[in-house]
Amino acid sequence: MSGTPPDDRDDALPPASMRWDGSAERMLASLVDMVPATLRELARSSARDEAELAAQDRGADAVEPEDVVRGWIRTTPPEQRDGLVEVIDSLGFDPERFASDLESAEGWEETPEGED
């Protein structure tokens, strides 16, 4: 018998991988290369998931380079995002295009101690 065991939670799984534009794959590789080798796989996986969510947010069925940049921003702690402006510019994008992403702390809000 094949399939998913009944005790596995399908709702806990990330969405199925989307189609990736070749330039989006290259963009992700360029960004991941900037990360220390010991953290690259984690960075790649996190950024890939967030890029796919960014593509879904705009109703697309494929990930494009702009989605990769948005995903990379989302996986970068807000206090470290100032350094991304230069990176985004070096990749050929206008950083102003990503201003709201760079300023957003969504998903990074701290929970006061003792609260969960």
PDB file of N, CA and C in Angstrom:
ATOM      1  N   MET A   1       0.837  -1.167   0.000  1.00  0.00           N
ATOM      2  CA  MET A   1       0.000   0.000   0.000  1.00  0.00           C
ATOM      3  C   MET A   1       0.889   1.239   0.000  1.00  0.00           C
ATOM      4  N   SER A   2       0.539   2.216  -0.829  1.00  0.00           N
ATOM      5  CA  SER A   2       1.346   3.436  -0.865  1.00  0.00           C
ATOM      6  C   SER A   2       0.503   4.605  -0.399  1.00  0.00           C
ATOM      7  N   GLY A   3       1.145   5.750  -0.223  1.00  0.00           N
ATOM      8  CA  GLY A   3       0.426   6.948   0.205  1.00  0.00           C
ATOM      9  C   GLY A   3       0.986   7.472   1.495  1.00  0.00           C
ATOM     10  N   THR A   4       0.303   8.460   2.022  1.00  0.00           N
ATOM     11  CA  THR A   4       0.734   9.105   3.250  1.00  0.00           C
ATOM     12  C   THR A   4       0.130   8.388   4.440  1.00  0.00           C
ATOM     13  N   PRO A   5       0.932   8.065   5.446  1.00  0.00           N
ATOM     14  CA  PRO A   5       0.369   7.444   6.642  1.00  0.00           C
ATOM     15  C   PRO A   5      -0.702   8.350   7.238  1.00  0.00           C
ATOM     16  N   PRO A   6      -1.761   7.765   7.799  1.00  0.00           N
ATOM     17  CA  PRO A   6      -2.869   8.578   8.295  1.00  0.00           C
ATOM     18  C   PRO A   6      -2.491   9.540   9.404  1.00  0.00           C
ATOM     19  N   ASP A   7      -1.400   9.303  10.132  1.00  0.00           N
ATOM     20  CA  ASP A   7      -1.048  10.199  11.218  1.00  0.00           C
ATOM     21  C   ASP A   7      -0.194  11.378  10.753  1.00  0.00           C
ATOM     22  N   ASP A   8       0.182  11.446   9.476  1.00  0.00           N
ATOM     23  CA  ASP A   8       0.919  12.597   8.957  1.00  0.00           C
ATOM     24  C   ASP A   8      -0.044  13.747   8.736  1.00  0.00           C
ATOM     25  N   ARG A   9       0.356  14.944   9.099  1.00  0.00           N
ATOM     26  CA  ARG A   9      -0.503  16.117   8.930  1.00  0.00           C
ATOM     27  C   ARG A   9      -0.163  16.812   7.627  1.00  0.00           C
ATOM     28  N   ASP A  10      -1.023  16.683   6.633  1.00  0.00           N
ATOM     29  CA  ASP A  10      -0.790  17.332   5.344  1.00  0.00           C
ATOM     30  C   ASP A  10      -0.780  18.847   5.463  1.00  0.00           C
ATOM     31  N   ASP A  11      -1.567  19.393   6.414  1.00  0.00           N
ATOM     32  CA  ASP A  11      -1.633  20.848   6.534  1.00  0.00           C
ATOM     33  C   ASP A  11      -0.353  21.442   7.109  1.00  0.00           C
ATOM     34  N   ALA A  12       0.533  20.615   7.651  1.00  0.00           N
ATOM     35  CA  ALA A  12       1.791  21.098   8.212  1.00  0.00           C
ATOM     36  C   ALA A  12       2.892  21.145   7.157  1.00  0.00           C
ATOM     37  N   LEU A  13       2.617  20.604   5.980  1.00  0.00           N
ATOM     38  CA  LEU A  13       3.621  20.566   4.927  1.00  0.00           C
ATOM     39  C   LEU A  13       3.614  21.866   4.140  1.00  0.00           C
ATOM     40  N   PRO A  14       4.782  22.299   3.646  1.00  0.00           N
ATOM     41  CA  PRO A  14       4.812  23.493   2.802  1.00  0.00           C
ATOM     42  C   PRO A  14       4.108  23.202   1.483  1.00  0.00           C
ATOM     43  N   PRO A  15       3.690  24.252   0.773  1.00  0.00           N
ATOM     44  CA  PRO A  15       3.032  24.011  -0.509  1.00  0.00           C
ATOM     45  C   PRO A  15       3.979  23.303  -1.473  1.00  0.00           C
ATOM     46  N   ALA A  16       3.407  22.562  -2.402  1.00  0.00           N
ATOM     47  CA  ALA A  16       4.227  21.875  -3.403  1.00  0.00           C
ATOM     48  C   ALA A  16       5.092  22.892  -4.120  1.00  0.00           C
ATOM     49  N   SER A  17       6.270  22.485  -4.485  1.00  0.00           N
ATOM     50  CA  SER A  17       7.205  23.388  -5.141  1.00  0.00           C
ATOM     51  C   SER A  17       6.633  23.917  -6.454  1.00  0.00           C
ATOM     52  N   MET A  18       6.818  25.203  -6.672  1.00  0.00           N
ATOM     53  CA  MET A  18       6.354  25.856  -7.887  1.00  0.00           C
ATOM     54  C   MET A  18       7.414  25.733  -8.978  1.00  0.00           C
ATOM     55  N   ARG A  19       7.013  26.081 -10.173  1.00  0.00           N
ATOM     56  CA  ARG A  19       7.951  26.146 -11.291  1.00  0.00           C
ATOM     57  C   ARG A  19       8.838  27.377 -11.070  1.00  0.00           C
ATOM     58  N   TRP A  20      10.113  27.229 -11.385  1.00  0.00           N
ATOM     59  CA  TRP A  20      11.076  28.319 -11.206  1.00  0.00           C
ATOM     60  C   TRP A  20      11.620  28.755 -12.554  1.00  0.00           C
ATOM     61  N   ASP A  21      11.570  30.050 -12.796  1.00  0.00           N
ATOM     62  CA  ASP A  21      12.176  30.671 -13.957  1.00  0.00           C
ATOM     63  C   ASP A  21      13.696  30.468 -13.823  1.00  0.00           C
ATOM     64  N   GLY A  22      14.398  30.206 -14.921  1.00  0.00           N
ATOM     65  CA  GLY A  22      15.843  29.979 -14.872  1.00  0.00           C
ATOM     66  C   GLY A  22      16.601  31.135 -14.244  1.00  0.00           C
ATOM     67  N   SER A  23      16.178  32.355 -14.522  1.00  0.00           N
ATOM     68  CA  SER A  23      16.865  33.513 -13.940  1.00  0.00           C
ATOM     69  C   SER A  23      16.588  33.608 -12.436  1.00  0.00           C
ATOM     70  N   ALA A  24      15.446  33.094 -11.989  1.00  0.00           N
ATOM     71  CA  ALA A  24      15.154  33.076 -10.553  1.00  0.00           C
ATOM     72  C   ALA A  24      16.081  32.089  -9.844  1.00  0.00           C
ATOM     73  N   GLU A  25      16.317  30.937 -10.474  1.00  0.00           N
ATOM     74  CA  GLU A  25      17.248  29.951  -9.908  1.00  0.00           C
ATOM     75  C   GLU A  25      18.654  30.552  -9.785  1.00  0.00           C
ATOM     76  N   ARG A  26      19.083  31.267 -10.822  1.00  0.00           N
ATOM     77  CA  ARG A  26      20.413  31.896 -10.793  1.00  0.00           C
ATOM     78  C   ARG A  26      20.477  32.983  -9.720  1.00  0.00           C
ATOM     79  N   MET A  27      19.389  33.734  -9.556  1.00  0.00           N
ATOM     80  CA  MET A  27      19.336  34.781  -8.537  1.00  0.00           C
ATOM     81  C   MET A  27      19.474  34.160  -7.148  1.00  0.00           C
ATOM     82  N   LEU A  28      18.756  33.068  -6.908  1.00  0.00           N
ATOM     83  CA  LEU A  28      18.845  32.399  -5.613  1.00  0.00           C
ATOM     84  C   LEU A  28      20.266  31.898  -5.372  1.00  0.00           C
ATOM     85  N   ALA A  29      20.873  31.299  -6.373  1.00  0.00           N
ATOM     86  CA  ALA A  29      22.244  30.803  -6.239  1.00  0.00           C
ATOM     87  C   ALA A  29      23.205  31.944  -5.909  1.00  0.00           C
ATOM     88  N   SER A  30      23.026  33.096  -6.555  1.00  0.00           N
ATOM     89  CA  SER A  30      23.897  34.253  -6.286  1.00  0.00           C
ATOM     90  C   SER A  30      23.768  34.714  -4.844  1.00  0.00           C
ATOM     91  N   LEU A  31      22.549  34.772  -4.356  1.00  0.00           N
ATOM     92  CA  LEU A  31      22.327  35.217  -2.981  1.00  0.00           C
ATOM     93  C   LEU A  31      22.870  34.195  -1.982  1.00  0.00           C
ATOM     94  N   VAL A  32      22.625  32.936  -2.234  1.00  0.00           N
ATOM     95  CA  VAL A  32      23.091  31.884  -1.324  1.00  0.00           C
ATOM     96  C   VAL A  32      24.617  31.856  -1.259  1.00  0.00           C
ATOM     97  N   ASP A  33      25.273  32.156  -2.356  1.00  0.00           N
ATOM     98  CA  ASP A  33      26.739  32.173  -2.373  1.00  0.00           C
ATOM     99  C   ASP A  33      27.320  33.219  -1.424  1.00  0.00           C
ATOM    100  N   MET A  34      26.518  34.201  -1.012  1.00  0.00           N
ATOM    101  CA  MET A  34      26.980  35.248  -0.097  1.00  0.00           C
ATOM    102  C   MET A  34      26.953  34.796   1.359  1.00  0.00           C
ATOM    103  N   VAL A  35      26.362  33.637   1.620  1.00  0.00           N
ATOM    104  CA  VAL A  35      26.178  33.126   2.974  1.00  0.00           C
ATOM    105  C   VAL A  35      27.318  32.165   3.307  1.00  0.00           C
ATOM    106  N   PRO A  36      27.769  32.139   4.559  1.00  0.00           N
ATOM    107  CA  PRO A  36      28.802  31.169   4.931  1.00  0.00           C
ATOM    108  C   PRO A  36      28.369  29.748   4.562  1.00  0.00           C
ATOM    109  N   ALA A  37      29.305  28.942   4.113  1.00  0.00           N
ATOM    110  CA  ALA A  37      29.025  27.593   3.616  1.00  0.00           C
ATOM    111  C   ALA A  37      28.205  26.751   4.587  1.00  0.00           C
ATOM    112  N   THR A  38      28.460  26.898   5.866  1.00  0.00           N
ATOM    113  CA  THR A  38      27.749  26.080   6.856  1.00  0.00           C
ATOM    114  C   THR A  38      26.258  26.410   6.938  1.00  0.00           C
ATOM    115  N   LEU A  39      25.860  27.575   6.459  1.00  0.00           N
ATOM    116  CA  LEU A  39      24.459  28.000   6.543  1.00  0.00           C
ATOM    117  C   LEU A  39      23.755  28.015   5.190  1.00  0.00           C
ATOM    118  N   ARG A  40      24.458  27.678   4.131  1.00  0.00           N
ATOM    119  CA  ARG A  40      23.893  27.816   2.780  1.00  0.00           C
ATOM    120  C   ARG A  40      22.641  26.995   2.542  1.00  0.00           C
ATOM    121  N   GLU A  41      22.644  25.751   2.960  1.00  0.00           N
ATOM    122  CA  GLU A  41      21.470  24.900   2.688  1.00  0.00           C
ATOM    123  C   GLU A  41      20.240  25.421   3.423  1.00  0.00           C
ATOM    124  N   LEU A  42      20.414  25.854   4.654  1.00  0.00           N
ATOM    125  CA  LEU A  42      19.310  26.434   5.408  1.00  0.00           C
ATOM    126  C   LEU A  42      18.821  27.719   4.738  1.00  0.00           C
ATOM    127  N   ALA A  43      19.754  28.571   4.334  1.00  0.00           N
ATOM    128  CA  ALA A  43      19.399  29.820   3.661  1.00  0.00           C
ATOM    129  C   ALA A  43      18.668  29.540   2.353  1.00  0.00           C
ATOM    130  N   ARG A  44      19.168  28.575   1.594  1.00  0.00           N
ATOM    131  CA  ARG A  44      18.551  28.220   0.304  1.00  0.00           C
ATOM    132  C   ARG A  44      17.109  27.739   0.522  1.00  0.00           C
ATOM    133  N   SER A  45      16.922  26.844   1.467  1.00  0.00           N
ATOM    134  CA  SER A  45      15.612  26.274   1.732  1.00  0.00           C
ATOM    135  C   SER A  45      14.616  27.337   2.207  1.00  0.00           C
ATOM    136  N   SER A  46      15.048  28.159   3.150  1.00  0.00           N
ATOM    137  CA  SER A  46      14.167  29.212   3.672  1.00  0.00           C
ATOM    138  C   SER A  46      13.804  30.223   2.594  1.00  0.00           C
ATOM    139  N   ALA A  47      14.795  30.654   1.837  1.00  0.00           N
ATOM    140  CA  ALA A  47      14.555  31.644   0.791  1.00  0.00           C
ATOM    141  C   ALA A  47      13.692  31.065  -0.320  1.00  0.00           C
ATOM    142  N   ARG A  48      13.895  29.799  -0.649  1.00  0.00           N
ATOM    143  CA  ARG A  48      13.086  29.140  -1.685  1.00  0.00           C
ATOM    144  C   ARG A  48      11.612  29.138  -1.257  1.00  0.00           C
ATOM    145  N   ASP A  49      11.345  28.746  -0.019  1.00  0.00           N
ATOM    146  CA  ASP A  49       9.968  28.723   0.483  1.00  0.00           C
ATOM    147  C   ASP A  49       9.341  30.110   0.443  1.00  0.00           C
ATOM    148  N   GLU A  50      10.081  31.110   0.893  1.00  0.00           N
ATOM    149  CA  GLU A  50       9.544  32.476   0.921  1.00  0.00           C
ATOM    150  C   GLU A  50       9.358  33.042  -0.483  1.00  0.00           C
ATOM    151  N   ALA A  51      10.251  32.701  -1.411  1.00  0.00           N
ATOM    152  CA  ALA A  51      10.109  33.158  -2.792  1.00  0.00           C
ATOM    153  C   ALA A  51       8.843  32.572  -3.415  1.00  0.00           C
ATOM    154  N   GLU A  52       8.573  31.303  -3.113  1.00  0.00           N
ATOM    155  CA  GLU A  52       7.361  30.681  -3.640  1.00  0.00           C
ATOM    156  C   GLU A  52       6.117  31.326  -3.051  1.00  0.00           C
ATOM    157  N   LEU A  53       6.178  31.694  -1.774  1.00  0.00           N
ATOM    158  CA  LEU A  53       5.058  32.399  -1.158  1.00  0.00           C
ATOM    159  C   LEU A  53       4.870  33.781  -1.791  1.00  0.00           C
ATOM    160  N   ALA A  54       5.974  34.454  -2.094  1.00  0.00           N
ATOM    161  CA  ALA A  54       5.893  35.769  -2.749  1.00  0.00           C
ATOM    162  C   ALA A  54       5.246  35.635  -4.120  1.00  0.00           C
ATOM    163  N   ALA A  55       5.602  34.591  -4.852  1.00  0.00           N
ATOM    164  CA  ALA A  55       4.992  34.351  -6.167  1.00  0.00           C
ATOM    165  C   ALA A  55       3.499  34.064  -6.014  1.00  0.00           C
ATOM    166  N   GLN A  56       3.154  33.263  -5.020  1.00  0.00           N
ATOM    167  CA  GLN A  56       1.742  32.972  -4.760  1.00  0.00           C
ATOM    168  C   GLN A  56       0.991  34.246  -4.395  1.00  0.00           C
ATOM    169  N   ASP A  57       1.619  35.118  -3.612  1.00  0.00           N
ATOM    170  CA  ASP A  57       0.987  36.383  -3.204  1.00  0.00           C
ATOM    171  C   ASP A  57       0.579  37.218  -4.404  1.00  0.00           C
ATOM    172  N   ARG A  58       1.346  37.121  -5.483  1.00  0.00           N
ATOM    173  CA  ARG A  58       0.998  37.906  -6.666  1.00  0.00           C
ATOM    174  C   ARG A  58       0.200  37.089  -7.680  1.00  0.00           C
ATOM    175  N   GLY A  59      -0.211  35.886  -7.269  1.00  0.00           N
ATOM    176  CA  GLY A  59      -1.075  35.063  -8.112  1.00  0.00           C
ATOM    177  C   GLY A  59      -0.373  34.364  -9.256  1.00  0.00           C
ATOM    178  N   ALA A  60       0.932  34.199  -9.150  1.00  0.00           N
ATOM    179  CA  ALA A  60       1.713  33.587 -10.230  1.00  0.00           C
ATOM    180  C   ALA A  60       1.823  32.077 -10.042  1.00  0.00           C
ATOM    181  N   ASP A  61       2.145  31.388 -11.134  1.00  0.00           N
ATOM    182  CA  ASP A  61       2.369  29.954 -11.053  1.00  0.00           C
ATOM    183  C   ASP A  61       3.846  29.604 -11.194  1.00  0.00           C
ATOM    184  N   ALA A  62       4.691  30.641 -11.290  1.00  0.00           N
ATOM    185  CA  ALA A  62       6.134  30.433 -11.398  1.00  0.00           C
ATOM    186  C   ALA A  62       6.861  31.523 -10.611  1.00  0.00           C
ATOM    187  N   VAL A  63       8.011  31.148 -10.090  1.00  0.00           N
ATOM    188  CA  VAL A  63       8.848  32.073  -9.327  1.00  0.00           C
ATOM    189  C   VAL A  63       9.746  32.834 -10.293  1.00  0.00           C
ATOM    190  N   GLU A  64       9.787  34.153 -10.118  1.00  0.00           N
ATOM    191  CA  GLU A  64      10.640  35.027 -10.929  1.00  0.00           C
ATOM    192  C   GLU A  64      11.682  35.683 -10.027  1.00  0.00           C
ATOM    193  N   PRO A  65      12.699  36.318 -10.612  1.00  0.00           N
ATOM    194  CA  PRO A  65      13.771  36.914  -9.797  1.00  0.00           C
ATOM    195  C   PRO A  65      13.274  37.883  -8.717  1.00  0.00           C
ATOM    196  N   GLU A  66      12.274  38.688  -9.021  1.00  0.00           N
ATOM    197  CA  GLU A  66      11.748  39.625  -8.022  1.00  0.00           C
ATOM    198  C   GLU A  66      11.201  38.877  -6.803  1.00  0.00           C
ATOM    199  N   ASP A  67      10.586  37.727  -7.029  1.00  0.00           N
ATOM    200  CA  ASP A  67      10.076  36.914  -5.919  1.00  0.00           C
ATOM    201  C   ASP A  67      11.227  36.414  -5.050  1.00  0.00           C
ATOM    202  N   VAL A  68      12.337  36.081  -5.687  1.00  0.00           N
ATOM    203  CA  VAL A  68      13.513  35.605  -4.948  1.00  0.00           C
ATOM    204  C   VAL A  68      14.040  36.721  -4.046  1.00  0.00           C
ATOM    205  N   VAL A  69      14.108  37.929  -4.571  1.00  0.00           N
ATOM    206  CA  VAL A  69      14.579  39.058  -3.760  1.00  0.00           C
ATOM    207  C   VAL A  69      13.637  39.270  -2.575  1.00  0.00           C
ATOM    208  N   ARG A  70      12.334  39.247  -2.833  1.00  0.00           N
ATOM    209  CA  ARG A  70      11.369  39.407  -1.745  1.00  0.00           C
ATOM    210  C   ARG A  70      11.517  38.285  -0.712  1.00  0.00           C
ATOM    211  N   GLY A  71      11.703  37.065  -1.179  1.00  0.00           N
ATOM    212  CA  GLY A  71      11.898  35.945  -0.266  1.00  0.00           C
ATOM    213  C   GLY A  71      13.154  36.106   0.567  1.00  0.00           C
ATOM    214  N   TRP A  72      14.215  36.595  -0.069  1.00  0.00           N
ATOM    215  CA  TRP A  72      15.483  36.798   0.642  1.00  0.00           C
ATOM    216  C   TRP A  72      15.315  37.866   1.716  1.00  0.00           C
ATOM    217  N   ILE A  73      14.608  38.929   1.383  1.00  0.00           N
ATOM    218  CA  ILE A  73      14.359  39.991   2.365  1.00  0.00           C
ATOM    219  C   ILE A  73      13.586  39.417   3.548  1.00  0.00           C
ATOM    220  N   ARG A  74      12.546  38.646   3.264  1.00  0.00           N
ATOM    221  CA  ARG A  74      11.694  38.090   4.317  1.00  0.00           C
ATOM    222  C   ARG A  74      12.463  37.166   5.257  1.00  0.00           C
ATOM    223  N   THR A  75      13.508  36.524   4.771  1.00  0.00           N
ATOM    224  CA  THR A  75      14.274  35.607   5.624  1.00  0.00           C
ATOM    225  C   THR A  75      15.430  36.306   6.337  1.00  0.00           C
ATOM    226  N   THR A  76      15.600  37.579   6.064  1.00  0.00           N
ATOM    227  CA  THR A  76      16.661  38.357   6.704  1.00  0.00           C
ATOM    228  C   THR A  76      16.081  39.123   7.888  1.00  0.00           C
ATOM    229  N   PRO A  77      16.660  38.980   9.078  1.00  0.00           N
ATOM    230  CA  PRO A  77      16.151  39.727  10.234  1.00  0.00           C
ATOM    231  C   PRO A  77      16.120  41.237   9.942  1.00  0.00           C
ATOM    232  N   PRO A  78      15.057  41.929  10.392  1.00  0.00           N
ATOM    233  CA  PRO A  78      14.912  43.354  10.097  1.00  0.00           C
ATOM    234  C   PRO A  78      16.134  44.202  10.435  1.00  0.00           C
ATOM    235  N   GLU A  79      16.808  43.879  11.526  1.00  0.00           N
ATOM    236  CA  GLU A  79      17.971  44.696  11.924  1.00  0.00           C
ATOM    237  C   GLU A  79      19.165  44.508  10.997  1.00  0.00           C
ATOM    238  N   GLN A  80      19.116  43.516  10.094  1.00  0.00           N
ATOM    239  CA  GLN A  80      20.209  43.281   9.149  1.00  0.00           C
ATOM    240  C   GLN A  80      19.866  43.690   7.720  1.00  0.00           C
ATOM    241  N   ARG A  81      18.683  44.240   7.510  1.00  0.00           N
ATOM    242  CA  ARG A  81      18.225  44.521   6.153  1.00  0.00           C
ATOM    243  C   ARG A  81      18.861  45.741   5.500  1.00  0.00           C
ATOM    244  N   ASP A  82      19.427  46.652   6.285  1.00  0.00           N
ATOM    245  CA  ASP A  82      20.075  47.825   5.679  1.00  0.00           C
ATOM    246  C   ASP A  82      21.149  47.390   4.686  1.00  0.00           C
ATOM    247  N   GLY A  83      21.850  46.314   5.003  1.00  0.00           N
ATOM    248  CA  GLY A  83      22.899  45.807   4.128  1.00  0.00           C
ATOM    249  C   GLY A  83      22.363  45.231   2.830  1.00  0.00           C
ATOM    250  N   LEU A  84      21.071  44.917   2.787  1.00  0.00           N
ATOM    251  CA  LEU A  84      20.490  44.347   1.571  1.00  0.00           C
ATOM    252  C   LEU A  84      20.290  45.381   0.469  1.00  0.00           C
ATOM    253  N   VAL A  85      20.209  46.650   0.839  1.00  0.00           N
ATOM    254  CA  VAL A  85      19.990  47.695  -0.164  1.00  0.00           C
ATOM    255  C   VAL A  85      21.089  47.649  -1.219  1.00  0.00           C
ATOM    256  N   GLU A  86      22.327  47.570  -0.777  1.00  0.00           N
ATOM    257  CA  GLU A  86      23.463  47.504  -1.703  1.00  0.00           C
ATOM    258  C   GLU A  86      23.433  46.205  -2.522  1.00  0.00           C
ATOM    259  N   VAL A  87      23.067  45.107  -1.870  1.00  0.00           N
ATOM    260  CA  VAL A  87      22.987  43.806  -2.562  1.00  0.00           C
ATOM    261  C   VAL A  87      21.921  43.856  -3.647  1.00  0.00           C
ATOM    262  N   ILE A  88      20.756  44.382  -3.309  1.00  0.00           N
ATOM    263  CA  ILE A  88      19.649  44.481  -4.270  1.00  0.00           C
ATOM    264  C   ILE A  88      20.066  45.341  -5.458  1.00  0.00           C
ATOM    265  N   ASP A  89      20.725  46.442  -5.182  1.00  0.00           N
ATOM    266  CA  ASP A  89      21.210  47.324  -6.246  1.00  0.00           C
ATOM    267  C   ASP A  89      22.231  46.600  -7.123  1.00  0.00           C
ATOM    268  N   SER A  90      23.121  45.835  -6.505  1.00  0.00           N
ATOM    269  CA  SER A  90      24.153  45.122  -7.274  1.00  0.00           C
ATOM    270  C   SER A  90      23.559  44.023  -8.160  1.00  0.00           C
ATOM    271  N   LEU A  91      22.354  43.566  -7.813  1.00  0.00           N
ATOM    272  CA  LEU A  91      21.675  42.540  -8.612  1.00  0.00           C
ATOM    273  C   LEU A  91      20.885  43.148  -9.776  1.00  0.00           C
ATOM    274  N   GLY A  92      20.916  44.488  -9.857  1.00  0.00           N
ATOM    275  CA  GLY A  92      20.253  45.158 -10.975  1.00  0.00           C
ATOM    276  C   GLY A  92      18.836  45.620 -10.700  1.00  0.00           C
ATOM    277  N   PHE A  93      18.423  45.591  -9.448  1.00  0.00           N
ATOM    278  CA  PHE A  93      17.089  46.053  -9.079  1.00  0.00           C
ATOM    279  C   PHE A  93      17.174  47.407  -8.386  1.00  0.00           C
ATOM    280  N   ASP A  94      16.117  48.185  -8.512  1.00  0.00           N
ATOM    281  CA  ASP A  94      16.009  49.440  -7.780  1.00  0.00           C
ATOM    282  C   ASP A  94      15.535  49.103  -6.367  1.00  0.00           C
ATOM    283  N   PRO A  95      16.340  49.370  -5.348  1.00  0.00           N
ATOM    284  CA  PRO A  95      15.940  49.046  -3.972  1.00  0.00           C
ATOM    285  C   PRO A  95      14.612  49.684  -3.556  1.00  0.00           C
ATOM    286  N   GLU A  96      14.274  50.831  -4.146  1.00  0.00           N
ATOM    287  CA  GLU A  96      13.003  51.484  -3.818  1.00  0.00           C
ATOM    288  C   GLU A  96      11.813  50.579  -4.113  1.00  0.00           C
ATOM    289  N   ARG A  97      11.968  49.722  -5.092  1.00  0.00           N
ATOM    290  CA  ARG A  97      10.914  48.782  -5.477  1.00  0.00           C
ATOM    291  C   ARG A  97      10.569  47.830  -4.329  1.00  0.00           C
ATOM    292  N   PHE A  98      11.512  47.645  -3.415  1.00  0.00           N
ATOM    293  CA  PHE A  98      11.348  46.707  -2.304  1.00  0.00           C
ATOM    294  C   PHE A  98      11.277  47.419  -0.945  1.00  0.00           C
ATOM    295  N   ALA A  99      11.034  48.728  -0.966  1.00  0.00           N
ATOM    296  CA  ALA A  99      11.049  49.517   0.267  1.00  0.00           C
ATOM    297  C   ALA A  99      10.097  48.967   1.324  1.00  0.00           C
ATOM    298  N   SER A 100       8.875  48.635   0.942  1.00  0.00           N
ATOM    299  CA  SER A 100       7.921  48.139   1.947  1.00  0.00           C
ATOM    300  C   SER A 100       8.363  46.797   2.512  1.00  0.00           C
ATOM    301  N   ASP A 101       8.964  45.958   1.682  1.00  0.00           N
ATOM    302  CA  ASP A 101       9.482  44.673   2.172  1.00  0.00           C
ATOM    303  C   ASP A 101      10.641  44.894   3.144  1.00  0.00           C
ATOM    304  N   LEU A 102      11.533  45.813   2.789  1.00  0.00           N
ATOM    305  CA  LEU A 102      12.690  46.080   3.626  1.00  0.00           C
ATOM    306  C   LEU A 102      12.288  46.668   4.976  1.00  0.00           C
ATOM    307  N   GLU A 103      11.197  47.422   5.009  1.00  0.00           N
ATOM    308  CA  GLU A 103      10.755  48.073   6.240  1.00  0.00           C
ATOM    309  C   GLU A 103       9.844  47.195   7.088  1.00  0.00           C
ATOM    310  N   SER A 104       9.292  46.148   6.517  1.00  0.00           N
ATOM    311  CA  SER A 104       8.352  45.282   7.226  1.00  0.00           C
ATOM    312  C   SER A 104       9.071  44.363   8.203  1.00  0.00           C
ATOM    313  N   ALA A 105       8.493  44.231   9.392  1.00  0.00           N
ATOM    314  CA  ALA A 105       9.024  43.293  10.386  1.00  0.00           C
ATOM    315  C   ALA A 105       8.071  42.112  10.531  1.00  0.00           C
ATOM    316  N   GLU A 106       7.163  41.932   9.574  1.00  0.00           N
ATOM    317  CA  GLU A 106       6.184  40.858   9.638  1.00  0.00           C
ATOM    318  C   GLU A 106       6.879  39.512   9.830  1.00  0.00           C
ATOM    319  N   GLY A 107       6.400  38.766  10.808  1.00  0.00           N
ATOM    320  CA  GLY A 107       6.977  37.461  11.105  1.00  0.00           C
ATOM    321  C   GLY A 107       8.175  37.524  12.038  1.00  0.00           C
ATOM    322  N   TRP A 108       8.636  38.728  12.349  1.00  0.00           N
ATOM    323  CA  TRP A 108       9.816  38.885  13.206  1.00  0.00           C
ATOM    324  C   TRP A 108       9.490  39.575  14.527  1.00  0.00           C
ATOM    325  N   GLU A 109       8.200  39.837  14.787  1.00  0.00           N
ATOM    326  CA  GLU A 109       7.825  40.505  16.028  1.00  0.00           C
ATOM    327  C   GLU A 109       8.222  39.633  17.206  1.00  0.00           C
ATOM    328  N   GLU A 110       8.738  40.269  18.218  1.00  0.00           N
ATOM    329  CA  GLU A 110       9.151  39.529  19.398  1.00  0.00           C
ATOM    330  C   GLU A 110       7.959  39.337  20.320  1.00  0.00           C
ATOM    331  N   THR A 111       7.878  38.153  20.931  1.00  0.00           N
ATOM    332  CA  THR A 111       6.857  37.866  21.907  1.00  0.00           C
ATOM    333  C   THR A 111       7.433  38.208  23.282  1.00  0.00           C
ATOM    334  N   PRO A 112       6.710  39.014  24.074  1.00  0.00           N
ATOM    335  CA  PRO A 112       7.233  39.336  25.405  1.00  0.00           C
ATOM    336  C   PRO A 112       7.501  38.063  26.201  1.00  0.00           C
ATOM    337  N   GLU A 113       8.523  38.110  27.053  1.00  0.00           N
ATOM    338  CA  GLU A 113       8.884  36.932  27.838  1.00  0.00           C
ATOM    339  C   GLU A 113       7.693  36.461  28.638  1.00  0.00           C
ATOM    340  N   GLY A 114       7.536  35.152  28.719  1.00  0.00           N
ATOM    341  CA  GLY A 114       6.447  34.562  29.479  1.00  0.00           C
ATOM    342  C   GLY A 114       5.187  34.364  28.669  1.00  0.00           C
ATOM    343  N   GLU A 115       5.136  34.918  27.442  1.00  0.00           N
ATOM    344  CA  GLU A 115       3.968  34.748  26.578  1.00  0.00           C
ATOM    345  C   GLU A 115       4.344  33.878  25.404  1.00  0.00           C
ATOM    346  N   ASP A 116       3.469  32.977  25.015  1.00  0.00           N
ATOM    347  CA  ASP A 116       3.692  32.133  23.845  1.00  0.00           C
ATOM    348  C   ASP A 116       2.460  31.967  23.043  1.00  0.00           C
TER     349      ASP A 116
END
